[in-house]
Amino acid sequence: MVKGQKVVCINDSFPQFVRAIYKELPVKDKVYTVREVFLGREKIVNAGDSATVGLLLEELRNPPDPFHQGKQELGFSSERFAPLEELPPEEAEEENELLIGAGAGAGVGWN
């Protein structure tokens, strides 16, 4: 997942303690825009030291994480979301340029 990408929430089941510290939570089947991608951690939830990919969403704003030294905004695990097929405008344009460039001079037309 990348900044600007559209994603859909596939899991909006949160424990009560999460509901208590977050101001806004995603809703299943609703589409969101990735505002930021960051390296998260599972230490709080699973008492482990493994890392996950975290997301901040354009449509949701939350308070700082009380357990983060830098007071980063509370985010969400990327596993709660599925990417939509569309890419952010700048990446879609780059992909189109690559496709057009790949077909240039090949004698193949687009129908």
C-alpha atoms as a PDB file:
ATOM      1  CA  MET A   1       0.000   0.000   0.000  1.00  0.00           C
ATOM      2  CA  VAL A   2       1.213   3.466  -0.855  1.00  0.00           C
ATOM      3  CA  LYS A   3       0.376   7.038   0.037  1.00  0.00           C
ATOM      4  CA  GLY A   4      -2.671   8.214  -1.927  1.00  0.00           C
ATOM      5  CA  GLN A   5      -3.943   4.691  -2.628  1.00  0.00           C
ATOM      6  CA  LYS A   6      -7.608   3.850  -2.062  1.00  0.00           C
ATOM      7  CA  VAL A   7      -8.273   0.967   0.314  1.00  0.00           C
ATOM      8  CA  VAL A   8     -11.412  -0.690   1.663  1.00  0.00           C
ATOM      9  CA  CYS A   9     -11.800  -1.734   5.291  1.00  0.00           C
ATOM     10  CA  ILE A  10     -12.241  -5.499   5.643  1.00  0.00           C
ATOM     11  CA  ASN A  11     -12.040  -5.754   9.443  1.00  0.00           C
ATOM     12  CA  ASP A  12     -13.643  -3.265  11.816  1.00  0.00           C
ATOM     13  CA  SER A  13     -13.687  -5.473  14.921  1.00  0.00           C
ATOM     14  CA  PHE A  14     -11.778  -3.655  17.668  1.00  0.00           C
ATOM     15  CA  PRO A  15     -11.352  -4.545  21.333  1.00  0.00           C
ATOM     16  CA  GLN A  16     -12.981  -2.186  23.837  1.00  0.00           C
ATOM     17  CA  PHE A  17      -9.644  -0.681  24.961  1.00  0.00           C
ATOM     18  CA  VAL A  18      -8.930   0.377  21.359  1.00  0.00           C
ATOM     19  CA  ARG A  19     -12.354   1.987  21.080  1.00  0.00           C
ATOM     20  CA  ALA A  20     -11.551   3.909  24.275  1.00  0.00           C
ATOM     21  CA  ILE A  21      -8.302   5.518  23.016  1.00  0.00           C
ATOM     22  CA  TYR A  22      -9.201   6.170  19.356  1.00  0.00           C
ATOM     23  CA  LYS A  23     -11.329   9.122  18.293  1.00  0.00           C
ATOM     24  CA  GLU A  24     -12.256   7.672  14.872  1.00  0.00           C
ATOM     25  CA  LEU A  25     -12.238   4.063  13.650  1.00  0.00           C
ATOM     26  CA  PRO A  26     -12.669   2.643  10.143  1.00  0.00           C
ATOM     27  CA  VAL A  27     -15.928   0.978   9.145  1.00  0.00           C
ATOM     28  CA  LYS A  28     -16.090  -2.310   7.239  1.00  0.00           C
ATOM     29  CA  ASP A  29     -16.705  -1.943   3.469  1.00  0.00           C
ATOM     30  CA  LYS A  30     -15.998   1.809   3.535  1.00  0.00           C
ATOM     31  CA  VAL A  31     -13.308   3.206   1.203  1.00  0.00           C
ATOM     32  CA  TYR A  32     -10.418   5.274   2.593  1.00  0.00           C
ATOM     33  CA  THR A  33      -7.345   7.045   1.217  1.00  0.00           C
ATOM     34  CA  VAL A  34      -3.897   6.199   2.589  1.00  0.00           C
ATOM     35  CA  ARG A  35      -2.393   9.362   4.097  1.00  0.00           C
ATOM     36  CA  GLU A  36       0.790   7.768   5.411  1.00  0.00           C
ATOM     37  CA  VAL A  37       2.444   4.336   5.563  1.00  0.00           C
ATOM     38  CA  PHE A  38       4.696   3.562   8.526  1.00  0.00           C
ATOM     39  CA  LEU A  39       6.399   0.719  10.323  1.00  0.00           C
ATOM     40  CA  GLY A  40       4.112  -0.208  13.196  1.00  0.00           C
ATOM     41  CA  ARG A  41       4.560  -2.529  16.110  1.00  0.00           C
ATOM     42  CA  GLU A  42       2.536  -5.285  17.730  1.00  0.00           C
ATOM     43  CA  LYS A  43       4.076  -5.018  21.186  1.00  0.00           C
ATOM     44  CA  ILE A  44       0.996  -3.377  22.706  1.00  0.00           C
ATOM     45  CA  VAL A  45      -1.533  -5.784  21.240  1.00  0.00           C
ATOM     46  CA  ASN A  46       0.288  -9.104  21.118  1.00  0.00           C
ATOM     47  CA  ALA A  47       3.100  -8.542  23.654  1.00  0.00           C
ATOM     48  CA  GLY A  48       5.646  -9.302  20.949  1.00  0.00           C
ATOM     49  CA  ASP A  49       8.439  -7.389  19.307  1.00  0.00           C
ATOM     50  CA  SER A  50       7.423  -7.998  15.701  1.00  0.00           C
ATOM     51  CA  ALA A  51       6.548  -5.138  13.366  1.00  0.00           C
ATOM     52  CA  THR A  52       3.640  -4.531  11.029  1.00  0.00           C
ATOM     53  CA  VAL A  53       2.812  -1.998   8.338  1.00  0.00           C
ATOM     54  CA  GLY A  54       0.654   0.759   9.756  1.00  0.00           C
ATOM     55  CA  LEU A  55      -1.584   3.214   7.952  1.00  0.00           C
ATOM     56  CA  LEU A  56      -2.897   6.691   8.603  1.00  0.00           C
ATOM     57  CA  LEU A  57      -6.011   7.539   6.604  1.00  0.00           C
ATOM     58  CA  GLU A  58      -7.036  10.886   5.080  1.00  0.00           C
ATOM     59  CA  GLU A  59     -10.609  10.489   6.277  1.00  0.00           C
ATOM     60  CA  LEU A  60      -9.773   9.673   9.913  1.00  0.00           C
ATOM     61  CA  ARG A  61      -7.793  11.665  12.499  1.00  0.00           C
ATOM     62  CA  ASN A  62      -6.799  10.288  15.880  1.00  0.00           C
ATOM     63  CA  PRO A  63      -4.873  11.419  18.962  1.00  0.00           C
ATOM     64  CA  PRO A  64      -1.186  10.637  19.516  1.00  0.00           C
ATOM     65  CA  ASP A  65      -0.273   7.081  20.461  1.00  0.00           C
ATOM     66  CA  PRO A  66       0.254   7.177  24.252  1.00  0.00           C
ATOM     67  CA  PHE A  67       2.837   4.373  23.972  1.00  0.00           C
ATOM     68  CA  HIS A  68       4.937   5.942  21.169  1.00  0.00           C
ATOM     69  CA  GLN A  69       7.936   8.004  22.275  1.00  0.00           C
ATOM     70  CA  GLY A  70       7.504  10.374  19.344  1.00  0.00           C
ATOM     71  CA  LYS A  71       3.756  10.681  20.001  1.00  0.00           C
ATOM     72  CA  GLN A  72       2.932   9.501  16.477  1.00  0.00           C
ATOM     73  CA  GLU A  73      -0.778   9.551  15.648  1.00  0.00           C
ATOM     74  CA  LEU A  74      -2.638   6.330  16.370  1.00  0.00           C
ATOM     75  CA  GLY A  75      -2.875   4.371  13.118  1.00  0.00           C
ATOM     76  CA  PHE A  76      -4.238   1.090  11.845  1.00  0.00           C
ATOM     77  CA  SER A  77      -2.731  -2.208  10.758  1.00  0.00           C
ATOM     78  CA  SER A  78      -2.640  -2.530   6.980  1.00  0.00           C
ATOM     79  CA  GLU A  79      -4.108  -6.018   7.451  1.00  0.00           C
ATOM     80  CA  ARG A  80      -7.467  -4.388   8.194  1.00  0.00           C
ATOM     81  CA  PHE A  81      -7.634  -3.099   4.603  1.00  0.00           C
ATOM     82  CA  ALA A  82      -7.647  -4.447   1.066  1.00  0.00           C
ATOM     83  CA  PRO A  83      -6.245  -2.304  -1.732  1.00  0.00           C
ATOM     84  CA  LEU A  84      -8.635  -1.195  -4.436  1.00  0.00           C
ATOM     85  CA  GLU A  85      -7.512  -1.766  -7.999  1.00  0.00           C
ATOM     86  CA  GLU A  86      -6.931   1.905  -8.686  1.00  0.00           C
ATOM     87  CA  LEU A  87      -3.539   3.480  -8.070  1.00  0.00           C
ATOM     88  CA  PRO A  88      -2.908   7.050  -6.906  1.00  0.00           C
ATOM     89  CA  PRO A  89      -3.032   9.512  -9.879  1.00  0.00           C
ATOM     90  CA  GLU A  90       0.752   9.977 -10.118  1.00  0.00           C
ATOM     91  CA  GLU A  91       1.445   6.222 -10.055  1.00  0.00           C
ATOM     92  CA  ALA A  92      -1.330   5.494 -12.553  1.00  0.00           C
ATOM     93  CA  GLU A  93       0.196   8.080 -14.898  1.00  0.00           C
ATOM     94  CA  GLU A  94       3.657   6.503 -14.538  1.00  0.00           C
ATOM     95  CA  GLU A  95       2.182   3.065 -15.246  1.00  0.00           C
ATOM     96  CA  ASN A  96       0.388   4.379 -18.353  1.00  0.00           C
ATOM     97  CA  GLU A  97       3.624   5.935 -19.593  1.00  0.00           C
ATOM     98  CA  LEU A  98       5.412   2.621 -19.125  1.00  0.00           C
ATOM     99  CA  LEU A  99       2.680   0.745 -20.992  1.00  0.00           C
ATOM    100  CA  ILE A 100       2.657   3.259 -23.827  1.00  0.00           C
ATOM    101  CA  GLY A 101       6.450   3.193 -23.993  1.00  0.00           C
ATOM    102  CA  ALA A 102       6.464  -0.613 -24.025  1.00  0.00           C
ATOM    103  CA  GLY A 103       4.177  -0.669 -27.050  1.00  0.00           C
ATOM    104  CA  ALA A 104       5.907   2.132 -28.946  1.00  0.00           C
ATOM    105  CA  GLY A 105       7.362   0.970 -32.225  1.00  0.00           C
ATOM    106  CA  ALA A 106       6.033  -2.533 -31.787  1.00  0.00           C
ATOM    107  CA  GLY A 107       3.399  -2.126 -34.478  1.00  0.00           C
ATOM    108  CA  VAL A 108       0.634  -3.128 -32.112  1.00  0.00           C
ATOM    109  CA  GLY A 109      -2.437  -0.887 -31.866  1.00  0.00           C
ATOM    110  CA  TRP A 110      -4.748  -0.388 -28.917  1.00  0.00           C
ATOM    111  CA  ASN A 111      -8.395  -1.308 -29.434  1.00  0.00           C
END
